[in-house]
Amino acid sequence: MEMPGCDKAALQQVNQFWSMLDDMSAKNPEEYRKFIERQLREGAELCAPPQPHACIRTDLLGSKMGVLYINICGWKRVPAPTSHSDPIPLSGGRLESITKQKEYSVVDVAFNPKVLEMMEKDKKEREKIHLLVLNFIRQQHNLNLPQSYKLTKDQIKGSIQDMKERLMSPKQIKSSANEPQSEPASSLLQQISSLRLAESKEDSSIQLSIEQKKPARPGLIEVISITEAVQPEPKQPRHHLTVLTDSNGSGRSLKLNIELPGVRSVSQCQLNISQDDILLEVEDIYYLHLSLPELVKEETCTATFNKKEQTLTVTVIVL
């Protein structure tokens, strides 16, 4: 796929920036450490798990008869609309069938928290969003759903961790529009790193609409993907997690050493951390999603890449 000239120029600037970071890491480790810590602090909020908002119960019709629960949540990884007339970005997770005492299916839809705040202020707006969510689920998962639904007493069906895993599951969404894909807000490092993947990205946005009475608010939803599609079978790198205790015994921290043979630069690594898990991706080479044994303070996370030994060391303080 050929890229427009402006994108190629941007990639050249990004490559220069990564070279500058590599030089900073070698010549001024302290300044490099401060820069990385600042970016991690700014991105820590975006790594927080999705927050439950409401749960819709509806029926599955046709050949897949049963009960479907749709968890609607707020997640700061999903961007807010840039203006009142723009499409509303959302991210949809994979459909999961649960077999316990009663069999049912569950799926999750994430909006920016500001969108949910707006919904609560206007009953008509809230009902319109709920109907659009149903329409989105119909198209994304090819389901036969009625227009009727019920709000459950609980804000979520299942656990927050399960909801997060479903939303972050790699998936390929078919496109029915030629609009460019909107990306979730991210830290500076994540934004720059995503530019390097631009040549391999495909447009994956879907827009849904219903008949509108007020032209000021178009009934559009723009679908985004929280994570990029993972290349087939990346390897899990060798890693070692250690719990450290301060010399005075007043606090603890987690230290994660990850061996990354073949990785030559920090620019190849994408690192995300939340209170209870850590995700490392090196495109086409490594993928590590690790649940942490204890809750941590994301804003205290530091990461150091040793170019000579090709290892990444991540340290974070335990709550």
Protein backbone atom coordinates (compact mmCIF):
# COMPACT_ATOMS: atom_id res chain seq x y z
CA MET A 1 0.00 0.00 0.00
CA GLU A 2 1.47 3.35 -0.99
CA MET A 3 1.26 6.15 1.52
CA PRO A 4 0.53 9.82 0.78
CA GLY A 5 3.53 12.13 0.79
CA CYS A 6 2.47 13.77 4.06
CA ASP A 7 2.41 10.37 5.81
CA LYS A 8 5.88 9.51 4.49
CA ALA A 9 7.18 12.84 5.74
CA ALA A 10 5.59 12.19 9.13
CA LEU A 11 7.23 8.78 9.29
CA GLN A 12 10.61 10.33 8.52
CA GLN A 13 10.12 12.76 11.41
CA VAL A 14 9.08 9.89 13.68
CA ASN A 15 12.19 7.90 12.75
CA GLN A 16 14.32 10.94 13.57
CA PHE A 17 12.53 11.22 16.91
CA TRP A 18 13.22 7.56 17.74
CA SER A 19 16.87 8.03 16.84
CA MET A 20 16.95 10.99 19.23
CA LEU A 21 15.46 8.80 21.98
CA ASP A 22 18.05 6.09 21.35
CA ASP A 23 20.83 8.67 21.62
CA MET A 24 19.28 10.08 24.78
CA SER A 25 19.11 6.60 26.28
CA ALA A 26 22.83 6.05 25.59
CA LYS A 27 24.22 9.51 26.38
CA ASN A 28 21.86 10.85 29.06
CA PRO A 29 20.10 7.95 30.82
CA GLU A 30 18.67 10.19 33.56
CA GLU A 31 17.00 12.57 31.12
CA TYR A 32 15.71 9.58 29.15
CA ARG A 33 14.29 8.06 32.34
CA LYS A 34 12.47 11.30 33.22
CA PHE A 35 11.02 11.54 29.73
CA ILE A 36 9.70 7.97 29.80
CA GLU A 37 8.27 8.44 33.30
CA ARG A 38 6.44 11.58 32.18
CA GLN A 39 4.89 9.78 29.22
CA LEU A 40 3.87 6.84 31.39
CA ARG A 41 2.19 9.17 33.88
CA GLU A 42 0.25 10.84 31.08
CA GLY A 43 -0.83 7.48 29.69
CA ALA A 44 -1.62 5.85 33.05
CA GLU A 45 -5.18 7.19 33.07
CA LEU A 46 -5.79 5.70 29.64
CA CYS A 47 -4.70 2.29 30.92
CA ALA A 48 -7.41 2.21 33.61
CA PRO A 49 -10.02 -0.54 33.11
CA PRO A 50 -13.46 0.24 31.62
CA GLN A 51 -16.10 1.34 34.11
CA PRO A 52 -19.61 -0.22 34.04
CA HIS A 53 -22.44 2.15 33.24
CA ALA A 54 -25.53 0.15 32.28
CA CYS A 55 -26.57 -3.33 31.17
CA ILE A 56 -29.20 -4.06 28.52
CA ARG A 57 -31.10 -7.36 28.38
CA THR A 58 -32.66 -8.45 25.11
CA ASP A 59 -33.56 -11.62 23.23
CA LEU A 60 -31.69 -13.49 20.52
CA LEU A 61 -34.07 -14.46 17.74
CA GLY A 62 -33.88 -16.87 14.83
CA SER A 63 -31.43 -19.78 14.85
CA LYS A 64 -29.48 -18.35 17.82
CA MET A 65 -32.37 -18.07 20.25
CA GLY A 66 -31.51 -17.14 23.81
CA VAL A 67 -30.83 -14.17 26.09
CA LEU A 68 -28.25 -11.49 25.31
CA TYR A 69 -26.76 -9.03 27.81
CA ILE A 70 -25.04 -5.92 26.46
CA ASN A 71 -22.70 -4.18 28.90
CA ILE A 72 -22.39 -0.45 28.21
CA CYS A 73 -19.27 0.99 29.82
CA GLY A 74 -17.16 4.12 29.93
CA TRP A 75 -13.51 3.86 28.86
CA LYS A 76 -11.10 6.75 28.42
CA ARG A 77 -9.28 4.81 25.70
CA VAL A 78 -12.25 5.59 23.47
CA PRO A 79 -12.09 9.19 22.21
CA ALA A 80 -14.91 11.65 22.71
CA PRO A 81 -16.57 13.26 19.66
CA THR A 82 -14.64 16.35 18.60
CA SER A 83 -17.87 18.28 18.04
CA HIS A 84 -21.61 17.93 18.58
CA SER A 85 -22.16 17.07 14.90
CA ASP A 86 -19.47 14.39 14.65
CA PRO A 87 -20.04 10.61 14.84
CA ILE A 88 -19.85 9.05 18.31
CA PRO A 89 -16.82 6.74 18.54
CA LEU A 90 -17.32 3.39 20.27
CA SER A 91 -15.49 0.09 20.64
CA GLY A 92 -17.25 -3.28 20.58
CA GLY A 93 -15.93 -6.48 22.12
CA ARG A 94 -16.24 -10.11 21.10
CA LEU A 95 -19.47 -12.04 21.71
CA GLU A 96 -19.17 -14.66 24.47
CA SER A 97 -21.54 -17.50 25.38
CA ILE A 98 -21.78 -18.30 29.09
CA THR A 99 -22.98 -21.66 30.38
CA LYS A 100 -23.70 -21.73 34.11
CA GLN A 101 -27.07 -22.34 35.75
CA LYS A 102 -28.69 -20.71 32.72
CA GLU A 103 -27.11 -20.25 29.31
CA TYR A 104 -26.84 -16.72 27.95
CA SER A 105 -24.60 -14.55 25.77
CA VAL A 106 -22.82 -11.31 26.67
CA VAL A 107 -21.13 -8.58 24.63
CA ASP A 108 -19.62 -5.23 25.60
CA VAL A 109 -19.72 -1.74 24.08
CA ALA A 110 -17.45 1.07 25.30
CA PHE A 111 -17.95 4.83 24.96
CA ASN A 112 -15.93 7.74 26.19
CA PRO A 113 -17.24 8.67 29.70
CA LYS A 114 -18.23 12.14 28.44
CA VAL A 115 -20.69 10.54 26.02
CA LEU A 116 -22.31 8.61 28.87
CA GLU A 117 -22.56 11.77 30.97
CA MET A 118 -24.37 13.44 28.07
CA MET A 119 -26.74 10.46 27.79
CA GLU A 120 -27.77 10.72 31.44
CA LYS A 121 -28.78 14.36 31.01
CA ASP A 122 -31.22 13.64 28.19
CA LYS A 123 -33.68 10.74 28.29
CA LYS A 124 -34.36 10.87 24.56
CA GLU A 125 -30.64 10.91 23.82
CA ARG A 126 -30.15 7.90 26.11
CA GLU A 127 -32.89 5.89 24.38
CA LYS A 128 -31.49 6.81 20.97
CA ILE A 129 -28.00 5.61 21.96
CA HIS A 130 -29.44 2.33 23.30
CA LEU A 131 -31.19 1.67 19.99
CA LEU A 132 -28.05 2.48 18.07
CA VAL A 133 -26.12 0.05 20.28
CA LEU A 134 -28.61 -2.68 19.39
CA ASN A 135 -28.25 -1.85 15.71
CA PHE A 136 -24.45 -1.93 16.01
CA ILE A 137 -24.52 -5.37 17.70
CA ARG A 138 -26.82 -6.68 14.95
CA GLN A 139 -24.38 -5.65 12.24
CA GLN A 140 -21.12 -6.52 13.99
CA HIS A 141 -22.16 -10.03 15.05
CA ASN A 142 -24.86 -10.75 12.43
CA LEU A 143 -27.56 -11.28 15.06
CA ASN A 144 -31.34 -11.09 14.86
CA LEU A 145 -32.41 -8.78 17.70
CA PRO A 146 -35.75 -7.11 18.47
CA GLN A 147 -36.10 -3.36 18.98
CA SER A 148 -37.28 -3.94 22.54
CA TYR A 149 -34.91 -4.23 25.50
CA LYS A 150 -34.80 -3.89 29.27
CA LEU A 151 -32.27 -2.20 31.54
CA THR A 152 -31.14 -4.57 34.30
CA LYS A 153 -30.76 -3.56 37.95
CA ASP A 154 -27.03 -4.31 37.79
CA GLN A 155 -24.68 -2.09 35.78
CA ILE A 156 -22.71 -5.06 34.47
CA LYS A 157 -23.20 -8.74 33.65
CA GLY A 158 -20.08 -10.60 34.75
CA SER A 159 -16.83 -9.02 35.97
CA ILE A 160 -14.88 -5.91 34.95
CA GLN A 161 -11.84 -8.04 34.12
CA ASP A 162 -13.85 -10.26 31.76
CA MET A 163 -15.35 -7.18 30.12
CA LYS A 164 -11.88 -5.68 29.61
CA GLU A 165 -10.53 -8.90 28.07
CA ARG A 166 -13.46 -9.12 25.65
CA LEU A 167 -13.00 -5.50 24.59
CA MET A 168 -9.25 -5.98 24.05
CA SER A 169 -9.54 -9.27 22.15
CA PRO A 170 -7.90 -8.93 18.70
CA LYS A 171 -10.57 -8.80 16.04
CA GLN A 172 -11.02 -7.69 12.45
CA ILE A 173 -14.12 -5.55 11.79
CA LYS A 174 -15.45 -5.36 8.25
CA SER A 175 -15.81 -1.85 6.92
CA SER A 176 -19.03 -0.53 5.42
CA ALA A 177 -17.88 3.07 5.03
CA ASN A 178 -14.92 4.85 3.52
CA GLU A 179 -14.39 7.14 6.46
CA PRO A 180 -10.86 7.10 7.96
CA GLN A 181 -10.63 5.18 11.22
CA SER A 182 -10.63 7.14 14.46
CA GLU A 183 -8.06 6.05 17.05
CA PRO A 184 -8.36 6.14 20.84
CA ALA A 185 -6.58 8.95 22.64
CA SER A 186 -3.13 7.83 23.70
CA SER A 187 0.13 8.94 25.21
CA LEU A 188 2.79 10.59 23.04
CA LEU A 189 4.80 7.39 22.75
CA GLN A 190 1.72 5.41 21.69
CA GLN A 191 0.75 8.06 19.12
CA ILE A 192 4.23 8.10 17.58
CA SER A 193 4.53 4.32 17.60
CA SER A 194 1.17 3.93 15.86
CA LEU A 195 2.41 6.02 12.93
CA ARG A 196 5.05 3.40 12.19
CA LEU A 197 2.29 0.85 11.64
CA ALA A 198 0.36 3.06 9.24
CA GLU A 199 1.42 1.17 6.11
CA SER A 200 -0.23 -2.05 7.34
CA LYS A 201 -3.49 -0.58 8.65
CA GLU A 202 -6.83 -1.05 6.94
CA ASP A 203 -9.85 1.22 7.37
CA SER A 204 -12.15 -0.45 9.90
CA SER A 205 -14.92 1.99 10.66
CA ILE A 206 -18.64 1.35 10.57
CA GLN A 207 -21.27 4.06 10.69
CA LEU A 208 -24.86 3.43 11.69
CA SER A 209 -27.72 5.85 11.31
CA ILE A 210 -31.38 6.19 12.17
CA GLU A 211 -33.94 8.73 11.04
CA GLN A 212 -33.37 12.07 12.74
CA LYS A 213 -35.83 14.83 13.62
CA LYS A 214 -33.12 17.26 14.78
CA PRO A 215 -30.42 17.95 12.15
CA ALA A 216 -28.08 19.34 14.83
CA ARG A 217 -27.37 15.83 16.19
CA PRO A 218 -26.83 13.17 13.51
CA GLY A 219 -27.48 9.61 14.64
CA LEU A 220 -24.07 8.25 13.78
CA ILE A 221 -21.77 5.86 15.61
CA GLU A 222 -18.18 5.42 14.52
CA VAL A 223 -16.64 2.08 15.46
CA ILE A 224 -13.03 2.01 16.59
CA SER A 225 -10.69 -0.80 17.55
CA ILE A 226 -8.89 -0.52 20.89
CA THR A 227 -6.06 -2.81 19.85
CA GLU A 228 -4.58 -3.49 16.45
CA ALA A 229 -5.02 -6.93 14.90
CA VAL A 230 -2.17 -9.12 16.18
CA GLN A 231 -0.02 -10.83 13.58
CA PRO A 232 -0.24 -14.66 13.59
CA GLU A 233 1.45 -16.39 16.49
CA PRO A 234 3.86 -13.84 17.99
CA LYS A 235 6.07 -15.45 20.61
CA GLN A 236 5.75 -14.96 24.34
CA PRO A 237 9.13 -13.64 25.50
CA ARG A 238 10.98 -15.11 28.48
CA HIS A 239 10.26 -13.02 31.55
CA HIS A 240 10.75 -13.01 35.30
CA LEU A 241 8.59 -11.18 37.87
CA THR A 242 10.03 -10.34 41.29
CA VAL A 243 8.41 -8.77 44.37
CA LEU A 244 10.82 -6.34 46.04
CA THR A 245 10.62 -4.97 49.58
CA ASP A 246 12.10 -1.62 50.64
CA SER A 247 15.05 -1.70 53.01
CA ASN A 248 12.87 -0.24 55.79
CA GLY A 249 10.05 -2.70 55.02
CA SER A 250 7.50 0.08 54.53
CA GLY A 251 6.68 -0.57 50.89
CA ARG A 252 6.88 -3.06 48.06
CA SER A 253 7.32 -2.97 44.32
CA LEU A 254 7.17 -5.33 41.35
CA LYS A 255 10.12 -5.76 39.00
CA LEU A 256 9.56 -7.43 35.64
CA ASN A 257 12.53 -8.42 33.46
CA ILE A 258 11.67 -9.31 29.85
CA GLU A 259 14.17 -10.82 27.42
CA LEU A 260 13.69 -9.49 23.88
CA PRO A 261 16.27 -11.08 21.54
CA GLY A 262 16.19 -9.43 18.13
CA VAL A 263 14.79 -6.13 19.41
CA ARG A 264 17.26 -3.35 18.66
CA SER A 265 15.40 -0.24 19.76
CA VAL A 266 12.81 0.90 22.27
CA SER A 267 10.80 2.17 19.29
CA GLN A 268 9.77 -1.42 18.52
CA CYS A 269 8.10 -1.85 21.93
CA GLN A 270 4.57 -0.84 22.91
CA LEU A 271 3.97 -1.05 26.66
CA ASN A 272 0.68 -0.56 28.53
CA ILE A 273 0.09 -1.07 32.25
CA SER A 274 -3.01 -0.91 34.43
CA GLN A 275 -3.59 -1.59 38.11
CA ASP A 276 -3.80 -5.33 37.57
CA ASP A 277 -2.08 -6.23 34.31
CA ILE A 278 0.68 -5.35 31.86
CA LEU A 279 0.73 -5.66 28.09
CA LEU A 280 3.85 -5.65 25.92
CA GLU A 281 3.75 -5.89 22.12
CA VAL A 282 6.58 -6.00 19.59
CA GLU A 283 4.99 -6.18 16.17
CA ASP A 284 5.25 -9.62 14.52
CA ILE A 285 7.74 -10.82 17.17
CA TYR A 286 6.55 -10.78 20.79
CA TYR A 287 3.27 -10.55 22.72
CA LEU A 288 3.06 -10.67 26.52
CA HIS A 289 -0.15 -10.10 28.49
CA LEU A 290 0.57 -10.68 32.16
CA SER A 291 -1.83 -10.46 35.13
CA LEU A 292 -0.07 -8.86 38.09
CA PRO A 293 -0.21 -10.65 41.45
CA GLU A 294 -1.05 -7.41 43.27
CA LEU A 295 -2.63 -4.06 42.42
CA VAL A 296 -0.08 -1.39 41.51
CA LYS A 297 0.16 2.39 41.08
CA GLU A 298 0.38 2.83 37.31
CA GLU A 299 1.77 6.36 37.58
CA THR A 300 4.90 5.05 39.36
CA CYS A 301 5.85 2.71 36.53
CA THR A 302 9.34 3.05 35.03
CA ALA A 303 10.68 1.15 32.03
CA THR A 304 14.32 0.84 30.92
CA PHE A 305 15.54 -0.85 27.74
CA ASN A 306 19.09 -2.23 27.67
CA LYS A 307 20.19 -2.19 24.03
CA LYS A 308 23.29 -4.29 24.67
CA GLU A 309 21.52 -7.09 26.54
CA GLN A 310 18.23 -6.61 24.64
CA THR A 311 16.16 -6.66 27.83
CA LEU A 312 13.33 -4.49 29.11
CA THR A 313 13.03 -3.84 32.84
CA VAL A 314 9.72 -2.57 34.22
CA THR A 315 9.36 -1.46 37.84
CA VAL A 316 6.16 -0.31 39.58
CA ILE A 317 5.12 0.32 43.19
CA VAL A 318 2.47 -1.91 44.82
CA LEU A 319 -0.66 -0.21 46.20
